[in-house]
């Protein structure tokens, strides 16, 4: 297991903080699958050197005659036009052979370098596809540390290359900093109002579900080898949500995650969610229920 700390980020106004916490899946970024890496390998060109054409054209009879006309009376007719052309052609062939020899050497040298880079790149891509523990954990750390939230969050991660699995637990503080005020626009401009309690509850639920989706997205983005993400969201020692995310169904729905709560029912999950005054309110769940949902969560709880 590795532990990754996400430091609190400045998000600006209360409205911006609300936007950040209730739309966390917006930070998922690009998830590249196996097909992307296979295509990337196939698209690498081994021989990239473009040979240069001979810069001097082969001389012709017309060229010699044009030179003679330019000379006028200076030219006495010896040697003959044919002799001059033959001499020029011989010189040009020597120059052409030298040019080709130089291009052969350059092509060999440059292509050797490109081929070395191609082999190195393919090895790196094969490693990414295979998903060895050291590489994937490094990528997971990089992906998760780039998350922007207005509070400190600790993420515990267990990765299994063999099982193609990531288990994650994102731990929020006791009180998720959902702003209690909002700006309201009206005909006379804008004013600041207190949020209703049901709004705050709904926004906290969106935050928790959104963080679960964000953790899953970051896991899938870290390695194409990760096919399943089991995600838990906690508030210190209060266990709020556990969810199973499969790579394929998750990626199919990622574009629709603007309101996270609308998609949670598409995935197997465990949470105590109740409807109170038309708002989804999330209550803590016993740890034994989390472990019954998926025993592998014990790696990160």
C-alpha atoms as a PDB file:
ATOM      1  CA  UNK A   1       0.000   0.000   0.000  1.00  0.00           C
ATOM      2  CA  UNK A   2       1.120   3.550  -0.697  1.00  0.00           C
ATOM      3  CA  UNK A   3      -0.172   6.743   0.911  1.00  0.00           C
ATOM      4  CA  UNK A   4      -0.563   9.901  -1.147  1.00  0.00           C
ATOM      5  CA  UNK A   5      -1.306  13.286   0.387  1.00  0.00           C
ATOM      6  CA  UNK A   6      -3.267  15.877  -1.576  1.00  0.00           C
ATOM      7  CA  UNK A   7      -2.580  19.285  -0.026  1.00  0.00           C
ATOM      8  CA  UNK A   8      -5.317  21.874   0.207  1.00  0.00           C
ATOM      9  CA  UNK A   9      -5.504  24.093  -2.890  1.00  0.00           C
ATOM     10  CA  UNK A  10      -6.733  27.658  -3.189  1.00  0.00           C
ATOM     11  CA  UNK A  11      -9.951  27.571  -5.195  1.00  0.00           C
ATOM     12  CA  UNK A  12     -11.041  31.190  -4.895  1.00  0.00           C
ATOM     13  CA  UNK A  13     -14.561  32.323  -4.025  1.00  0.00           C
ATOM     14  CA  UNK A  14     -17.214  30.291  -2.226  1.00  0.00           C
ATOM     15  CA  UNK A  15     -18.950  29.665  -5.531  1.00  0.00           C
ATOM     16  CA  UNK A  16     -15.697  28.365  -7.046  1.00  0.00           C
ATOM     17  CA  UNK A  17     -15.158  26.083  -4.041  1.00  0.00           C
ATOM     18  CA  UNK A  18     -18.687  24.721  -4.442  1.00  0.00           C
ATOM     19  CA  UNK A  19     -18.091  24.197  -8.156  1.00  0.00           C
ATOM     20  CA  UNK A  20     -14.836  22.351  -7.459  1.00  0.00           C
ATOM     21  CA  UNK A  21     -16.241  20.043  -4.786  1.00  0.00           C
ATOM     22  CA  UNK A  22     -19.453  19.177  -6.631  1.00  0.00           C
ATOM     23  CA  UNK A  23     -17.804  18.585 -10.021  1.00  0.00           C
ATOM     24  CA  UNK A  24     -14.689  16.606  -9.068  1.00  0.00           C
ATOM     25  CA  UNK A  25     -14.930  14.220 -12.076  1.00  0.00           C
ATOM     26  CA  UNK A  26     -14.018  17.197 -14.288  1.00  0.00           C
ATOM     27  CA  UNK A  27     -10.438  16.630 -13.101  1.00  0.00           C
ATOM     28  CA  UNK A  28     -10.183  13.073 -14.415  1.00  0.00           C
ATOM     29  CA  UNK A  29      -8.443  14.058 -17.643  1.00  0.00           C
ATOM     30  CA  UNK A  30      -7.635  11.648 -20.460  1.00  0.00           C
ATOM     31  CA  UNK A  31      -7.882   7.893 -19.944  1.00  0.00           C
ATOM     32  CA  UNK A  32      -5.829   5.992 -22.514  1.00  0.00           C
ATOM     33  CA  UNK A  33      -6.661   2.365 -23.087  1.00  0.00           C
ATOM     34  CA  UNK A  34      -4.706  -0.575 -24.453  1.00  0.00           C
ATOM     35  CA  UNK A  35      -5.694   0.279 -28.042  1.00  0.00           C
ATOM     36  CA  UNK A  36      -3.988   3.659 -27.734  1.00  0.00           C
ATOM     37  CA  UNK A  37      -0.650   2.119 -26.766  1.00  0.00           C
ATOM     38  CA  UNK A  38      -0.839  -0.612 -29.416  1.00  0.00           C
ATOM     39  CA  UNK A  39      -1.546   2.030 -32.069  1.00  0.00           C
ATOM     40  CA  UNK A  40       1.272   4.172 -30.689  1.00  0.00           C
ATOM     41  CA  UNK A  41       3.744   1.324 -31.178  1.00  0.00           C
ATOM     42  CA  UNK A  42       2.548   0.664 -34.698  1.00  0.00           C
ATOM     43  CA  UNK A  43       2.714   4.339 -35.638  1.00  0.00           C
ATOM     44  CA  UNK A  44       6.397   4.705 -34.786  1.00  0.00           C
ATOM     45  CA  UNK A  45       8.396   4.941 -38.019  1.00  0.00           C
ATOM     46  CA  UNK A  46      11.722   3.112 -37.985  1.00  0.00           C
ATOM     47  CA  UNK A  47      13.341   4.876 -40.961  1.00  0.00           C
ATOM     48  CA  UNK A  48      12.769   8.591 -40.848  1.00  0.00           C
ATOM     49  CA  UNK A  49      15.714   9.954 -42.856  1.00  0.00           C
ATOM     50  CA  UNK A  50      14.712  11.590 -46.131  1.00  0.00           C
ATOM     51  CA  UNK A  51      17.442  11.423 -48.720  1.00  0.00           C
ATOM     52  CA  UNK A  52      18.329  14.711 -50.382  1.00  0.00           C
ATOM     53  CA  UNK A  53      18.261  14.951 -54.153  1.00  0.00           C
ATOM     54  CA  UNK A  54      21.434  15.757 -56.087  1.00  0.00           C
ATOM     55  CA  UNK A  55      21.522  19.589 -56.029  1.00  0.00           C
ATOM     56  CA  UNK A  56      23.270  19.886 -59.428  1.00  0.00           C
ATOM     57  CA  UNK A  57      21.354  18.552 -62.462  1.00  0.00           C
ATOM     58  CA  UNK A  58      23.083  16.343 -65.038  1.00  0.00           C
ATOM     59  CA  UNK A  59      24.461  18.542 -67.878  1.00  0.00           C
ATOM     60  CA  UNK A  60      22.786  18.368 -71.295  1.00  0.00           C
ATOM     61  CA  UNK A  61      23.775  19.347 -74.844  1.00  0.00           C
ATOM     62  CA  UNK A  62      21.448  22.342 -74.564  1.00  0.00           C
ATOM     63  CA  UNK A  63      23.390  23.524 -71.495  1.00  0.00           C
ATOM     64  CA  UNK A  64      26.719  23.433 -73.392  1.00  0.00           C
ATOM     65  CA  UNK A  65      25.260  25.179 -76.424  1.00  0.00           C
ATOM     66  CA  UNK A  66      23.830  27.894 -74.208  1.00  0.00           C
ATOM     67  CA  UNK A  67      27.257  28.478 -72.644  1.00  0.00           C
ATOM     68  CA  UNK A  68      28.890  28.653 -76.071  1.00  0.00           C
ATOM     69  CA  UNK A  69      26.357  31.244 -77.258  1.00  0.00           C
ATOM     70  CA  UNK A  70      27.107  33.290 -74.180  1.00  0.00           C
ATOM     71  CA  UNK A  71      30.854  33.195 -74.953  1.00  0.00           C
ATOM     72  CA  UNK A  72      30.307  34.394 -78.539  1.00  0.00           C
ATOM     73  CA  UNK A  73      33.536  35.071 -80.488  1.00  0.00           C
ATOM     74  CA  UNK A  74      35.716  33.956 -77.559  1.00  0.00           C
ATOM     75  CA  UNK A  75      34.928  30.324 -78.306  1.00  0.00           C
ATOM     76  CA  UNK A  76      37.159  28.924 -81.107  1.00  0.00           C
ATOM     77  CA  UNK A  77      35.356  25.587 -81.590  1.00  0.00           C
ATOM     78  CA  UNK A  78      38.027  23.429 -79.921  1.00  0.00           C
ATOM     79  CA  UNK A  79      37.305  21.184 -78.103  1.00  0.00           C
ATOM     80  CA  UNK A  80      34.030  20.226 -79.729  1.00  0.00           C
ATOM     81  CA  UNK A  81      30.638  20.580 -78.103  1.00  0.00           C
ATOM     82  CA  UNK A  82      30.432  16.790 -77.809  1.00  0.00           C
ATOM     83  CA  UNK A  83      33.810  16.613 -76.056  1.00  0.00           C
ATOM     84  CA  UNK A  84      32.827  19.316 -73.575  1.00  0.00           C
ATOM     85  CA  UNK A  85      29.551  17.525 -72.850  1.00  0.00           C
ATOM     86  CA  UNK A  86      31.335  14.198 -72.329  1.00  0.00           C
ATOM     87  CA  UNK A  87      33.821  15.810 -69.945  1.00  0.00           C
ATOM     88  CA  UNK A  88      31.052  17.538 -68.001  1.00  0.00           C
ATOM     89  CA  UNK A  89      29.018  14.333 -67.736  1.00  0.00           C
ATOM     90  CA  UNK A  90      32.033  12.417 -66.398  1.00  0.00           C
ATOM     91  CA  UNK A  91      32.624  15.093 -63.761  1.00  0.00           C
ATOM     92  CA  UNK A  92      28.940  15.124 -62.848  1.00  0.00           C
ATOM     93  CA  UNK A  93      28.876  11.316 -62.443  1.00  0.00           C
ATOM     94  CA  UNK A  94      31.826  11.501 -60.036  1.00  0.00           C
ATOM     95  CA  UNK A  95      30.049  14.224 -58.070  1.00  0.00           C
ATOM     96  CA  UNK A  96      26.794  12.230 -58.127  1.00  0.00           C
ATOM     97  CA  UNK A  97      28.584   9.119 -56.779  1.00  0.00           C
ATOM     98  CA  UNK A  98      30.133  11.227 -53.988  1.00  0.00           C
ATOM     99  CA  UNK A  99      26.710  12.733 -53.158  1.00  0.00           C
ATOM    100  CA  UNK A 100      25.112   9.264 -52.922  1.00  0.00           C
ATOM    101  CA  UNK A 101      27.945   8.004 -50.735  1.00  0.00           C
ATOM    102  CA  UNK A 102      27.428  10.906 -48.314  1.00  0.00           C
ATOM    103  CA  UNK A 103      23.658  10.284 -48.269  1.00  0.00           C
ATOM    104  CA  UNK A 104      24.202   6.552 -47.639  1.00  0.00           C
ATOM    105  CA  UNK A 105      26.357   7.330 -44.592  1.00  0.00           C
ATOM    106  CA  UNK A 106      23.911   9.897 -43.242  1.00  0.00           C
ATOM    107  CA  UNK A 107      20.935   7.574 -43.768  1.00  0.00           C
ATOM    108  CA  UNK A 108      22.678   4.728 -41.994  1.00  0.00           C
ATOM    109  CA  UNK A 109      23.726   6.905 -39.064  1.00  0.00           C
ATOM    110  CA  UNK A 110      20.378   8.643 -38.588  1.00  0.00           C
ATOM    111  CA  UNK A 111      18.310   5.463 -39.013  1.00  0.00           C
ATOM    112  CA  UNK A 112      20.433   3.646 -36.454  1.00  0.00           C
ATOM    113  CA  UNK A 113      19.646   6.406 -33.996  1.00  0.00           C
ATOM    114  CA  UNK A 114      15.931   6.361 -34.843  1.00  0.00           C
ATOM    115  CA  UNK A 115      15.818   2.570 -34.596  1.00  0.00           C
ATOM    116  CA  UNK A 116      17.438   2.708 -31.152  1.00  0.00           C
ATOM    117  CA  UNK A 117      14.850   5.256 -30.069  1.00  0.00           C
ATOM    118  CA  UNK A 118      12.085   3.109 -31.575  1.00  0.00           C
ATOM    119  CA  UNK A 119      13.212   0.021 -29.668  1.00  0.00           C
ATOM    120  CA  UNK A 120      13.500   2.039 -26.440  1.00  0.00           C
ATOM    121  CA  UNK A 121      10.051   3.561 -26.951  1.00  0.00           C
ATOM    122  CA  UNK A 122       8.487   0.157 -27.646  1.00  0.00           C
ATOM    123  CA  UNK A 123      10.034  -1.261 -24.469  1.00  0.00           C
ATOM    124  CA  UNK A 124       8.625   1.654 -22.480  1.00  0.00           C
ATOM    125  CA  UNK A 125       5.173   1.175 -24.009  1.00  0.00           C
ATOM    126  CA  UNK A 126       5.294  -2.571 -23.287  1.00  0.00           C
ATOM    127  CA  UNK A 127       6.104  -1.754 -19.661  1.00  0.00           C
ATOM    128  CA  UNK A 128       3.173   0.648 -19.414  1.00  0.00           C
ATOM    129  CA  UNK A 129       0.855  -2.005 -20.881  1.00  0.00           C
ATOM    130  CA  UNK A 130       2.153  -4.716 -18.534  1.00  0.00           C
ATOM    131  CA  UNK A 131       1.741  -2.409 -15.541  1.00  0.00           C
ATOM    132  CA  UNK A 132       4.633  -3.330 -13.205  1.00  0.00           C
ATOM    133  CA  UNK A 133       4.119  -2.193  -9.632  1.00  0.00           C
ATOM    134  CA  UNK A 134       6.865   0.457  -9.530  1.00  0.00           C
ATOM    135  CA  UNK A 135       5.728   2.217 -12.714  1.00  0.00           C
ATOM    136  CA  UNK A 136       2.004   2.134 -11.899  1.00  0.00           C
ATOM    137  CA  UNK A 137       2.467   3.369  -8.331  1.00  0.00           C
ATOM    138  CA  UNK A 138       4.592   6.232  -9.634  1.00  0.00           C
ATOM    139  CA  UNK A 139       1.891   7.143 -12.169  1.00  0.00           C
ATOM    140  CA  UNK A 140      -0.841   6.837  -9.551  1.00  0.00           C
ATOM    141  CA  UNK A 141       1.048   9.183  -7.259  1.00  0.00           C
ATOM    142  CA  UNK A 142       1.512  11.698 -10.078  1.00  0.00           C
ATOM    143  CA  UNK A 143      -2.130  11.532 -11.164  1.00  0.00           C
ATOM    144  CA  UNK A 144      -3.572  11.840  -7.656  1.00  0.00           C
ATOM    145  CA  UNK A 145      -1.230  14.614  -6.504  1.00  0.00           C
ATOM    146  CA  UNK A 146      -2.496  16.777  -9.376  1.00  0.00           C
ATOM    147  CA  UNK A 147      -6.011  16.812  -7.926  1.00  0.00           C
ATOM    148  CA  UNK A 148      -7.208  20.213  -6.760  1.00  0.00           C
ATOM    149  CA  UNK A 149      -9.395  20.326  -3.623  1.00  0.00           C
ATOM    150  CA  UNK A 150      -9.876  23.050  -0.977  1.00  0.00           C
ATOM    151  CA  UNK A 151      -8.906  20.750   1.900  1.00  0.00           C
ATOM    152  CA  UNK A 152      -6.265  18.181   2.786  1.00  0.00           C
ATOM    153  CA  UNK A 153      -7.142  14.704   1.531  1.00  0.00           C
ATOM    154  CA  UNK A 154      -5.175  11.530   2.152  1.00  0.00           C
ATOM    155  CA  UNK A 155      -5.411   8.703  -0.380  1.00  0.00           C
ATOM    156  CA  UNK A 156      -4.380   5.140   0.402  1.00  0.00           C
ATOM    157  CA  UNK A 157      -3.783   2.917  -2.616  1.00  0.00           C
ATOM    158  CA  UNK A 158      -3.279  -0.800  -3.077  1.00  0.00           C
ATOM    159  CA  UNK A 159      -2.343  -2.010  -6.569  1.00  0.00           C
ATOM    160  CA  UNK A 160      -2.176  -5.585  -7.852  1.00  0.00           C
ATOM    161  CA  UNK A 161      -0.599  -6.135 -11.248  1.00  0.00           C
ATOM    162  CA  UNK A 162      -1.761  -9.748 -11.333  1.00  0.00           C
ATOM    163  CA  UNK A 163      -5.389  -8.934 -10.483  1.00  0.00           C
ATOM    164  CA  UNK A 164      -5.327  -5.802 -12.705  1.00  0.00           C
ATOM    165  CA  UNK A 165      -6.837  -4.040  -9.707  1.00  0.00           C
ATOM    166  CA  UNK A 166      -6.526  -0.788  -7.786  1.00  0.00           C
ATOM    167  CA  UNK A 167      -8.108  -0.319  -4.358  1.00  0.00           C
ATOM    168  CA  UNK A 168      -8.286   3.281  -3.148  1.00  0.00           C
ATOM    169  CA  UNK A 169      -9.539   5.083  -0.054  1.00  0.00           C
ATOM    170  CA  UNK A 170      -9.768   8.882  -0.135  1.00  0.00           C
ATOM    171  CA  UNK A 171      -9.995  10.296   3.390  1.00  0.00           C
ATOM    172  CA  UNK A 172     -11.589  13.731   3.811  1.00  0.00           C
ATOM    173  CA  UNK A 173     -11.508  15.772   7.045  1.00  0.00           C
ATOM    174  CA  UNK A 174     -14.435  15.449   9.441  1.00  0.00           C
ATOM    175  CA  UNK A 175     -16.120  18.436   7.887  1.00  0.00           C
ATOM    176  CA  UNK A 176     -15.897  18.702   4.127  1.00  0.00           C
ATOM    177  CA  UNK A 177     -15.624  22.473   3.501  1.00  0.00           C
ATOM    178  CA  UNK A 178     -18.863  22.936   1.569  1.00  0.00           C
ATOM    179  CA  UNK A 179     -19.557  26.706   1.575  1.00  0.00           C
ATOM    180  CA  UNK A 180     -22.742  27.696   3.371  1.00  0.00           C
ATOM    181  CA  UNK A 181     -23.374  30.792   1.263  1.00  0.00           C
ATOM    182  CA  UNK A 182     -23.957  31.382  -2.446  1.00  0.00           C
ATOM    183  CA  UNK A 183     -24.305  34.227  -4.901  1.00  0.00           C
ATOM    184  CA  UNK A 184     -27.753  34.717  -6.397  1.00  0.00           C
ATOM    185  CA  UNK A 185     -28.352  36.734  -9.567  1.00  0.00           C
ATOM    186  CA  UNK A 186     -31.477  38.860  -9.939  1.00  0.00           C
ATOM    187  CA  UNK A 187     -32.721  41.872 -11.877  1.00  0.00           C
ATOM    188  CA  UNK A 188     -30.890  44.302  -9.587  1.00  0.00           C
ATOM    189  CA  UNK A 189     -27.557  42.461  -9.788  1.00  0.00           C
ATOM    190  CA  UNK A 190     -26.299  39.811  -7.389  1.00  0.00           C
ATOM    191  CA  UNK A 191     -26.647  39.169  -3.703  1.00  0.00           C
ATOM    192  CA  UNK A 192     -25.225  36.678  -1.191  1.00  0.00           C
ATOM    193  CA  UNK A 193     -27.607  34.252   0.480  1.00  0.00           C
ATOM    194  CA  UNK A 194     -27.326  31.388   2.944  1.00  0.00           C
ATOM    195  CA  UNK A 195     -27.742  27.978   1.374  1.00  0.00           C
ATOM    196  CA  UNK A 196     -30.601  25.801   2.525  1.00  0.00           C
ATOM    197  CA  UNK A 197     -29.575  22.830   4.635  1.00  0.00           C
ATOM    198  CA  UNK A 198     -30.777  20.449   1.940  1.00  0.00           C
ATOM    199  CA  UNK A 199     -28.518  22.179  -0.594  1.00  0.00           C
ATOM    200  CA  UNK A 200     -25.497  21.649   1.628  1.00  0.00           C
ATOM    201  CA  UNK A 201     -26.387  17.976   2.137  1.00  0.00           C
ATOM    202  CA  UNK A 202     -26.870  17.445  -1.600  1.00  0.00           C
ATOM    203  CA  UNK A 203     -23.561  19.148  -2.407  1.00  0.00           C
ATOM    204  CA  UNK A 204     -21.683  17.038   0.132  1.00  0.00           C
ATOM    205  CA  UNK A 205     -23.191  13.904  -1.414  1.00  0.00           C
ATOM    206  CA  UNK A 206     -22.140  15.089  -4.889  1.00  0.00           C
ATOM    207  CA  UNK A 207     -18.650  15.692  -3.506  1.00  0.00           C
ATOM    208  CA  UNK A 208     -18.311  12.210  -2.004  1.00  0.00           C
ATOM    209  CA  UNK A 209     -19.651  10.415  -5.076  1.00  0.00           C
ATOM    210  CA  UNK A 210     -17.632  12.690  -7.347  1.00  0.00           C
ATOM    211  CA  UNK A 211     -14.433  11.918  -5.430  1.00  0.00           C
ATOM    212  CA  UNK A 212     -15.118   8.188  -5.849  1.00  0.00           C
ATOM    213  CA  UNK A 213     -15.430   8.644  -9.611  1.00  0.00           C
ATOM    214  CA  UNK A 214     -12.348  10.870  -9.660  1.00  0.00           C
ATOM    215  CA  UNK A 215     -10.290   8.235  -7.817  1.00  0.00           C
ATOM    216  CA  UNK A 216     -11.443   5.566 -10.252  1.00  0.00           C
ATOM    217  CA  UNK A 217     -10.664   7.781 -13.237  1.00  0.00           C
ATOM    218  CA  UNK A 218      -7.179   8.551 -11.938  1.00  0.00           C
ATOM    219  CA  UNK A 219      -6.542   4.835 -11.420  1.00  0.00           C
ATOM    220  CA  UNK A 220      -7.609   3.981 -14.970  1.00  0.00           C
ATOM    221  CA  UNK A 221      -5.541   6.883 -16.324  1.00  0.00           C
ATOM    222  CA  UNK A 222      -2.451   5.639 -14.494  1.00  0.00           C
ATOM    223  CA  UNK A 223      -2.264   2.307 -16.330  1.00  0.00           C
ATOM    224  CA  UNK A 224      -4.190   0.396 -19.007  1.00  0.00           C
ATOM    225  CA  UNK A 225      -3.476  -2.699 -16.898  1.00  0.00           C
ATOM    226  CA  UNK A 226      -5.975  -1.532 -14.261  1.00  0.00           C
ATOM    227  CA  UNK A 227      -9.301  -3.045 -15.269  1.00  0.00           C
ATOM    228  CA  UNK A 228     -11.111  -2.670 -11.928  1.00  0.00           C
ATOM    229  CA  UNK A 229     -11.054   0.052  -9.279  1.00  0.00           C
ATOM    230  CA  UNK A 230     -12.587  -0.514  -5.854  1.00  0.00           C
ATOM    231  CA  UNK A 231     -12.962   2.905  -4.234  1.00  0.00           C
ATOM    232  CA  UNK A 232     -13.845   3.933  -0.692  1.00  0.00           C
ATOM    233  CA  UNK A 233     -14.504   7.464   0.518  1.00  0.00           C
ATOM    234  CA  UNK A 234     -14.152   8.273   4.209  1.00  0.00           C
ATOM    235  CA  UNK A 235     -14.453  11.242   6.514  1.00  0.00           C
ATOM    236  CA  UNK A 236     -11.664  10.422   8.956  1.00  0.00           C
ATOM    237  CA  UNK A 237     -12.930   7.151  10.523  1.00  0.00           C
ATOM    238  CA  UNK A 238     -16.451   7.501   9.138  1.00  0.00           C
ATOM    239  CA  UNK A 239     -16.884   5.267   6.090  1.00  0.00           C
ATOM    240  CA  UNK A 240     -19.242   6.941   3.637  1.00  0.00           C
ATOM    241  CA  UNK A 241     -19.149   5.162   0.279  1.00  0.00           C
ATOM    242  CA  UNK A 242     -17.668   2.115  -1.432  1.00  0.00           C
ATOM    243  CA  UNK A 243     -18.072   1.446  -5.140  1.00  0.00           C
ATOM    244  CA  UNK A 244     -16.907  -1.049  -7.785  1.00  0.00           C
ATOM    245  CA  UNK A 245     -15.829   0.584 -11.032  1.00  0.00           C
ATOM    246  CA  UNK A 246     -15.087  -1.463 -14.143  1.00  0.00           C
ATOM    247  CA  UNK A 247     -12.846   0.210 -16.694  1.00  0.00           C
ATOM    248  CA  UNK A 248     -15.092  -0.297 -19.732  1.00  0.00           C
ATOM    249  CA  UNK A 249     -18.452   0.839 -18.249  1.00  0.00           C
ATOM    250  CA  UNK A 250     -16.721   3.687 -16.423  1.00  0.00           C
ATOM    251  CA  UNK A 251     -15.135   5.049 -19.598  1.00  0.00           C
ATOM    252  CA  UNK A 252     -18.463   4.783 -21.406  1.00  0.00           C
ATOM    253  CA  UNK A 253     -20.137   7.005 -18.803  1.00  0.00           C
ATOM    254  CA  UNK A 254     -17.311   9.440 -18.036  1.00  0.00           C
ATOM    255  CA  UNK A 255     -18.699  12.189 -20.253  1.00  0.00           C
ATOM    256  CA  UNK A 256     -21.981  12.182 -18.318  1.00  0.00           C
ATOM    257  CA  UNK A 257     -20.519  12.711 -14.829  1.00  0.00           C
ATOM    258  CA  UNK A 258     -21.387  16.391 -14.511  1.00  0.00           C
ATOM    259  CA  UNK A 259     -23.843  15.448 -11.754  1.00  0.00           C
ATOM    260  CA  UNK A 260     -22.171  12.434 -10.060  1.00  0.00           C
ATOM    261  CA  UNK A 261     -25.225  11.349  -8.046  1.00  0.00           C
ATOM    262  CA  UNK A 262     -27.155  10.615 -11.247  1.00  0.00           C
ATOM    263  CA  UNK A 263     -24.713   7.845 -12.210  1.00  0.00           C
ATOM    264  CA  UNK A 264     -23.965   6.105  -8.923  1.00  0.00           C
ATOM    265  CA  UNK A 265     -26.738   3.548  -9.511  1.00  0.00           C
ATOM    266  CA  UNK A 266     -24.965   2.332 -12.657  1.00  0.00           C
ATOM    267  CA  UNK A 267     -22.246   0.736 -10.509  1.00  0.00           C
ATOM    268  CA  UNK A 268     -22.316  -1.690  -7.561  1.00  0.00           C
ATOM    269  CA  UNK A 269     -21.974   0.481  -4.458  1.00  0.00           C
ATOM    270  CA  UNK A 270     -22.467   0.559  -0.695  1.00  0.00           C
ATOM    271  CA  UNK A 271     -23.727   3.691   1.049  1.00  0.00           C
ATOM    272  CA  UNK A 272     -26.474   4.787   3.419  1.00  0.00           C
ATOM    273  CA  UNK A 273     -28.187   7.390   1.257  1.00  0.00           C
ATOM    274  CA  UNK A 274     -31.533   8.782   2.337  1.00  0.00           C
ATOM    275  CA  UNK A 275     -33.788  11.322   0.687  1.00  0.00           C
ATOM    276  CA  UNK A 276     -34.518  14.216   3.035  1.00  0.00           C
ATOM    277  CA  UNK A 277     -36.510  17.171   1.708  1.00  0.00           C
ATOM    278  CA  UNK A 278     -35.675  16.208  -1.877  1.00  0.00           C
ATOM    279  CA  UNK A 279     -31.970  16.043  -1.094  1.00  0.00           C
ATOM    280  CA  UNK A 280     -29.668  13.015  -1.019  1.00  0.00           C
ATOM    281  CA  UNK A 281     -28.174  12.792   2.462  1.00  0.00           C
ATOM    282  CA  UNK A 282     -25.306  10.364   3.066  1.00  0.00           C
ATOM    283  CA  UNK A 283     -24.774   8.740   6.456  1.00  0.00           C
ATOM    284  CA  UNK A 284     -21.783   6.696   7.725  1.00  0.00           C
ATOM    285  CA  UNK A 285     -21.603   2.945   7.160  1.00  0.00           C
ATOM    286  CA  UNK A 286     -20.124   0.357   9.541  1.00  0.00           C
ATOM    287  CA  UNK A 287     -16.619  -0.816   8.631  1.00  0.00           C
ATOM    288  CA  UNK A 288     -17.784  -4.435   8.771  1.00  0.00           C
ATOM    289  CA  UNK A 289     -20.282  -3.623   6.021  1.00  0.00           C
ATOM    290  CA  UNK A 290     -17.460  -2.135   3.931  1.00  0.00           C
ATOM    291  CA  UNK A 291     -15.400  -5.286   4.350  1.00  0.00           C
ATOM    292  CA  UNK A 292     -18.423  -7.438   3.548  1.00  0.00           C
ATOM    293  CA  UNK A 293     -18.938  -5.407   0.378  1.00  0.00           C
ATOM    294  CA  UNK A 294     -15.377  -6.208  -0.708  1.00  0.00           C
ATOM    295  CA  UNK A 295     -12.785  -7.799   1.576  1.00  0.00           C
ATOM    296  CA  UNK A 296     -10.002  -6.156  -0.428  1.00  0.00           C
ATOM    297  CA  UNK A 297     -10.989  -2.793   1.039  1.00  0.00           C
ATOM    298  CA  UNK A 298      -9.177  -3.923   4.202  1.00  0.00           C
ATOM    299  CA  UNK A 299      -5.926  -3.117   2.367  1.00  0.00           C
ATOM    300  CA  UNK A 300      -6.673   0.610   2.526  1.00  0.00           C
ATOM    301  CA  UNK A 301      -9.064   1.146   5.446  1.00  0.00           C
END
